[in-house]
Protein backbone atom coordinates (compact mmCIF):
# COMPACT_ATOMS: atom_id res chain seq x y z
CA MET A 1 98.96 119.80 122.39
CA GLY A 2 100.45 117.56 119.69
CA PRO A 3 98.74 115.26 117.17
CA GLY A 4 95.98 113.16 118.64
CA GLY A 5 95.13 115.60 121.43
CA PRO A 6 91.56 116.50 122.30
CA GLY A 7 89.72 118.06 119.38
CA SER A 8 92.63 117.55 117.03
CA GLY A 9 90.56 115.94 114.30
CA TRP A 10 92.88 112.95 113.91
CA PRO A 11 90.14 110.30 114.32
CA LEU A 12 88.09 111.96 111.59
CA ALA A 13 91.14 112.32 109.35
CA GLY A 14 92.01 108.64 109.87
CA THR A 15 88.47 107.55 109.03
CA LEU A 16 88.46 109.70 105.92
CA LEU A 17 91.84 108.31 104.85
CA VAL A 18 90.59 104.72 105.21
CA ALA A 19 87.43 105.50 103.22
CA VAL A 20 89.35 107.23 100.41
CA THR A 21 91.98 104.48 100.28
CA ALA A 22 89.33 101.77 100.16
CA SER A 23 87.54 103.62 97.35
CA MET A 24 90.78 103.94 95.39
CA VAL A 25 91.63 100.27 95.92
CA ALA A 26 88.10 99.31 94.96
CA GLY A 27 88.13 101.44 91.83
CA GLY A 28 86.60 99.27 89.14
CA GLU A 29 85.47 96.66 91.66
CA ASP A 30 82.03 96.10 90.24
CA CYS A 31 79.85 93.09 90.92
CA LEU A 32 80.38 90.23 88.49
CA TRP A 33 77.60 87.79 87.63
CA TYR A 34 76.90 85.11 90.22
CA VAL A 35 74.63 82.23 91.12
CA ASP A 36 72.83 82.47 94.45
CA ARG A 37 72.23 79.59 96.88
CA ASN A 38 68.97 78.72 95.11
CA GLY A 39 70.76 78.31 91.79
CA SER A 40 69.36 81.54 90.31
CA TRP A 41 71.67 83.44 87.97
CA HIS A 42 72.20 87.18 88.57
CA PRO A 43 73.81 89.41 85.89
CA ASP A 44 76.79 91.63 86.62
CA PHE A 45 76.21 95.26 87.56
CA ASP A 46 78.20 98.44 88.12
CA CYS A 47 78.33 100.22 91.45
CA GLU A 48 78.00 103.99 91.67
CA PHE A 49 80.93 106.32 92.36
CA PHE A 50 82.46 105.81 95.83
CA THR A 51 80.72 102.45 96.26
CA PHE A 52 81.98 99.01 95.48
CA CYS A 53 80.83 95.42 95.34
CA CYS A 54 80.10 93.91 98.74
CA GLY A 55 78.72 90.62 99.97
CA THR A 56 79.56 86.99 99.45
CA CYS A 57 79.86 84.49 96.63
CA HIS A 58 76.09 83.96 96.73
CA GLN A 59 74.80 87.49 97.40
CA ARG A 60 76.23 90.75 96.09
CA TYR A 61 75.27 94.40 96.43
CA CYS A 62 76.89 97.84 96.30
CA CYS A 63 78.00 99.47 99.54
CA ARG A 64 80.52 101.89 101.05
CA ASP A 65 81.76 99.62 103.85
CA PRO A 66 85.32 98.49 103.04
CA LEU A 67 84.97 95.61 105.50
CA ARG A 68 82.25 94.07 103.29
CA LEU A 69 84.18 94.52 100.04
CA ILE A 70 84.46 91.55 97.70
CA THR A 71 87.07 92.19 95.02
CA GLU A 72 86.72 91.07 91.42
CA ARG A 73 89.53 88.59 92.10
CA GLN A 74 87.56 87.10 95.01
CA GLN A 75 84.43 87.02 92.84
CA ARG A 76 86.27 85.10 90.11
CA HIS A 77 87.48 82.66 92.76
CA CYS A 78 83.81 82.09 93.69
CA LEU A 79 83.07 81.15 90.07
CA ALA A 80 85.76 78.49 90.12
CA PHE A 81 84.13 76.66 93.00
C-alpha cells in the first residue's frame, strides 16, 4: 500500500511535523509584559524549550498548543490598544 495506507504512520508524522514547525516558528516567542482585565501589571517571562507564549492580550501562559500561540508581534499589538 502507498502513503497514507493503514498503519503507515502518516498521521503521526504529520502531527510531529506541525509540532516541530510551530516550535521553530515560535522560537523566541516568549511572553511580554501585559496588563490583565483588572488592571494588574504582569512582568514578562520566558517559556521553556518547546513551549511558547499562549493566551490573549489579558492572560498569558506557556503551552505547547500552536493553536493558542500569541506571537511577540501580536503581544506588541495588544500594548498599543
